[in-house]
Amino acid sequence: MPHPMTASLRRAKVAADSYKVRLLSAVEDFDFQAVSSLVEILLSARERGATVFIAGNGGSASTASHYVVDWMLGTEISDPPLRVVALTDNVPGLTATGNDVEFSEIFSRQLRSLGKPGDVLIVVSASGNSPNLLAALHEAQSRTISVVAITGFDGGKLKDLADVSVHVSTQLGDYGVAEDIHLVIGHVVKEALMAAVHRG
């Protein structure tokens, strides 16, 4: 006979079921057409040889790196290539700035050296309120670098300040669901880029 479910297993099942409901709700509520504006921005950046910079914290830092792999390499776009750089991947630069200057400058300091007018900055944030991403946004906009915010929760400040917003509406504090949909967005963008460039 199967063993009766323990209290801890019952709690785990309730948690898993709750997550499934929240995740499916976020997917159903998300307007995937909102991604089309991001795809257009990336294609335009490619045509003019601009660089697309991506930044995020924590789980969103890994999402930034994932976007780079998928969009720049996974799409196999060339002649011209799509130039994508994750500002999160320069660990010595991040730690030097965090230690010697302050953590809120870890992305904006890199943009001051690397960014050029016409480039694109994509900030990925569940809360939309990270001080270092807000600093990067202001630095970018001061240099005529357009900013796309990919956010969760209620969108925070980034949603309102960015030039283009791709927002995933979730419960406040629901990092897992927001970050999951942000990864889905990256994969949708990858397929859209491939369809646009490798047509025919």
Protein backbone atom coordinates (compact mmCIF):
# COMPACT_ATOMS: atom_id res chain seq x y z
CA MET A 1 0.00 0.00 0.00
CA PRO A 2 1.24 3.49 -0.75
CA HIS A 3 2.32 5.50 2.26
CA PRO A 4 -0.06 8.30 3.25
CA MET A 5 1.13 11.74 2.25
CA THR A 6 2.97 13.42 5.08
CA ALA A 7 2.14 16.95 6.18
CA SER A 8 5.36 18.25 4.65
CA LEU A 9 4.58 16.63 1.29
CA ARG A 10 1.07 18.07 1.37
CA ARG A 11 2.50 21.55 1.94
CA ALA A 12 4.95 21.02 -0.92
CA LYS A 13 2.11 19.99 -3.24
CA VAL A 14 0.05 23.03 -2.26
CA ALA A 15 3.06 25.27 -2.96
CA ALA A 16 3.65 23.64 -6.34
CA ASP A 17 -0.01 23.93 -7.30
CA SER A 18 -0.05 27.59 -6.27
CA TYR A 19 3.02 28.30 -8.36
CA LYS A 20 1.48 26.58 -11.38
CA VAL A 21 -1.67 28.70 -11.09
CA ARG A 22 0.30 31.96 -10.78
CA LEU A 23 2.62 31.05 -13.66
CA LEU A 24 -0.19 30.12 -16.03
CA SER A 25 -2.11 33.25 -15.08
CA ALA A 26 0.91 35.43 -15.87
CA VAL A 27 1.39 33.71 -19.24
CA GLU A 28 -2.28 34.11 -20.15
CA ASP A 29 -2.33 37.78 -19.13
CA PHE A 30 0.89 38.73 -20.93
CA ASP A 31 0.45 40.47 -24.28
CA PHE A 32 3.03 38.75 -26.43
CA GLN A 33 2.51 41.42 -29.10
CA ALA A 34 4.37 43.76 -26.74
CA VAL A 35 7.52 41.87 -27.70
CA SER A 36 7.24 43.06 -31.31
CA SER A 37 8.47 46.55 -30.42
CA LEU A 38 11.56 45.03 -28.79
CA VAL A 39 12.23 42.91 -31.89
CA GLU A 40 11.96 45.99 -34.10
CA ILE A 41 14.43 47.85 -31.87
CA LEU A 42 16.92 44.98 -32.07
CA LEU A 43 16.64 44.69 -35.84
CA SER A 44 17.11 48.43 -36.22
CA ALA A 45 20.17 48.34 -33.94
CA ARG A 46 21.62 45.55 -36.06
CA GLU A 47 21.17 47.48 -39.30
CA ARG A 48 22.98 50.57 -38.00
CA GLY A 49 25.75 48.63 -36.21
CA ALA A 50 24.65 49.71 -32.74
CA THR A 51 25.39 47.75 -29.59
CA VAL A 52 22.64 46.36 -27.38
CA PHE A 53 23.62 46.39 -23.70
CA ILE A 54 21.68 44.31 -21.15
CA ALA A 55 21.72 44.60 -17.37
CA GLY A 56 19.95 43.01 -14.41
CA ASN A 57 20.53 41.88 -10.82
CA GLY A 58 20.42 38.43 -9.26
CA GLY A 59 18.25 36.11 -11.34
CA SER A 60 17.84 38.89 -13.87
CA ALA A 61 21.63 39.02 -14.26
CA SER A 62 21.57 35.42 -15.46
CA THR A 63 18.65 36.33 -17.74
CA ALA A 64 20.78 39.12 -19.25
CA SER A 65 23.54 36.62 -20.02
CA HIS A 66 20.98 34.17 -21.42
CA TYR A 67 19.62 36.85 -23.76
CA VAL A 68 23.13 37.46 -25.11
CA VAL A 69 23.70 33.80 -25.90
CA ASP A 70 20.31 33.38 -27.57
CA TRP A 71 20.11 36.65 -29.49
CA MET A 72 23.72 37.11 -30.63
CA LEU A 73 24.84 33.49 -31.03
CA GLY A 74 21.75 31.29 -31.02
CA THR A 75 20.10 33.20 -33.85
CA GLU A 76 23.22 32.80 -36.05
CA ILE A 77 22.60 36.30 -37.39
CA SER A 78 25.51 37.68 -39.39
CA ASP A 79 26.39 40.15 -42.14
CA PRO A 80 25.72 42.30 -40.18
CA PRO A 81 25.71 40.60 -36.78
CA LEU A 82 23.54 41.58 -33.84
CA ARG A 83 25.93 43.03 -31.26
CA VAL A 84 24.73 42.19 -27.74
CA VAL A 85 26.70 42.69 -24.49
CA ALA A 86 25.63 41.81 -20.95
CA LEU A 87 26.99 44.43 -18.55
CA THR A 88 26.55 41.79 -15.85
CA ASP A 89 29.31 39.58 -17.28
CA ASN A 90 32.26 41.87 -16.45
CA VAL A 91 32.78 40.53 -12.92
CA PRO A 92 36.08 42.38 -12.24
CA GLY A 93 34.50 45.63 -13.39
CA LEU A 94 31.40 45.05 -11.28
CA THR A 95 33.35 44.27 -8.13
CA ALA A 96 35.84 47.09 -8.66
CA THR A 97 33.05 49.62 -9.04
CA GLY A 98 31.04 48.17 -6.16
CA ASN A 99 34.11 48.26 -3.90
CA ASP A 100 35.80 51.48 -5.02
CA VAL A 101 32.84 53.64 -6.03
CA GLU A 102 29.41 52.28 -5.10
CA PHE A 103 27.16 49.43 -6.15
CA SER A 104 24.58 51.73 -7.73
CA GLU A 105 27.17 52.67 -10.37
CA ILE A 106 28.15 49.17 -11.57
CA PHE A 107 26.26 49.49 -14.86
CA SER A 108 26.25 53.23 -15.50
CA ARG A 109 30.04 53.38 -15.11
CA GLN A 110 30.47 50.82 -17.88
CA LEU A 111 28.04 52.69 -20.11
CA ARG A 112 30.11 55.85 -19.74
CA SER A 113 33.03 54.01 -21.35
CA LEU A 114 31.24 51.77 -23.83
CA GLY A 115 27.96 53.40 -24.80
CA LYS A 116 27.50 55.54 -27.90
CA PRO A 117 24.53 57.55 -29.15
CA GLY A 118 22.16 55.24 -30.97
CA ASP A 119 22.97 52.20 -28.85
CA VAL A 120 20.28 50.37 -26.87
CA LEU A 121 20.11 49.49 -23.17
CA ILE A 122 17.78 46.74 -21.96
CA VAL A 123 17.19 46.61 -18.22
CA VAL A 124 15.63 43.46 -16.77
CA SER A 125 14.05 43.76 -13.34
CA ALA A 126 11.23 42.05 -11.47
CA SER A 127 10.60 45.05 -9.21
CA GLY A 128 11.53 47.80 -11.65
CA ASN A 129 13.10 49.79 -8.82
CA SER A 130 16.75 48.68 -8.62
CA PRO A 131 18.92 51.77 -7.98
CA ASN A 132 21.75 50.58 -10.24
CA LEU A 133 19.35 49.98 -13.14
CA LEU A 134 17.75 53.38 -12.64
CA ALA A 135 21.23 54.93 -12.66
CA ALA A 136 22.02 53.05 -15.88
CA LEU A 137 18.76 54.26 -17.43
CA HIS A 138 19.56 57.89 -16.63
CA GLU A 139 23.13 57.51 -17.91
CA ALA A 140 21.87 55.93 -21.12
CA GLN A 141 19.23 58.55 -21.80
CA SER A 142 21.76 61.34 -21.19
CA ARG A 143 23.84 59.78 -23.98
CA THR A 144 20.96 59.33 -26.44
CA ILE A 145 20.89 55.60 -25.81
CA SER A 146 17.33 54.26 -25.94
CA VAL A 147 16.15 52.18 -23.00
CA VAL A 148 13.86 49.15 -22.95
CA ALA A 149 12.60 47.98 -19.55
CA ILE A 150 11.50 44.38 -19.07
CA THR A 151 9.75 44.33 -15.71
CA GLY A 152 7.47 42.36 -13.39
CA PHE A 153 5.30 43.14 -10.33
CA ASP A 154 3.71 46.57 -11.02
CA GLY A 155 6.60 47.68 -13.24
CA GLY A 156 8.12 50.08 -10.72
CA LYS A 157 9.91 53.24 -11.80
CA LEU A 158 11.64 51.62 -14.78
CA LYS A 159 8.32 50.89 -16.48
CA ASP A 160 7.44 54.60 -16.51
CA LEU A 161 10.89 56.00 -17.28
CA ALA A 162 11.99 53.68 -20.09
CA ASP A 163 11.47 54.58 -23.74
CA VAL A 164 9.82 51.19 -24.31
CA SER A 165 8.26 48.95 -21.66
CA VAL A 166 7.68 45.20 -21.83
CA HIS A 167 5.78 44.48 -18.63
CA VAL A 168 4.80 41.18 -17.04
CA SER A 169 2.13 41.83 -14.43
CA THR A 170 2.62 39.63 -11.35
CA GLN A 171 1.94 39.74 -7.64
CA LEU A 172 4.35 42.00 -5.78
CA GLY A 173 7.29 39.91 -4.62
CA ASP A 174 6.60 37.01 -6.99
CA TYR A 175 10.15 36.89 -8.34
CA GLY A 176 9.99 33.34 -9.65
CA VAL A 177 7.03 33.91 -11.95
CA ALA A 178 8.33 37.27 -13.19
CA GLU A 179 11.77 35.80 -13.93
CA ASP A 180 10.27 32.75 -15.65
CA ILE A 181 8.24 34.92 -18.04
CA HIS A 182 11.27 37.12 -18.67
CA LEU A 183 13.10 34.02 -19.90
CA VAL A 184 10.11 33.14 -22.08
CA ILE A 185 10.28 36.65 -23.57
CA GLY A 186 13.92 36.04 -24.45
CA HIS A 187 13.04 32.84 -26.29
CA VAL A 188 10.14 34.49 -28.12
CA VAL A 189 12.47 37.30 -29.21
CA LYS A 190 15.04 34.77 -30.42
CA GLU A 191 12.49 32.98 -32.61
CA ALA A 192 11.10 36.26 -33.93
CA LEU A 193 14.59 37.47 -34.85
CA MET A 194 15.36 34.22 -36.65
CA ALA A 195 12.07 34.39 -38.55
CA ALA A 196 12.72 37.99 -39.56
CA VAL A 197 16.33 37.53 -40.67
CA HIS A 198 16.37 33.99 -42.03
CA ARG A 199 13.13 34.36 -43.96
CA GLY A 200 12.67 32.48 -47.21
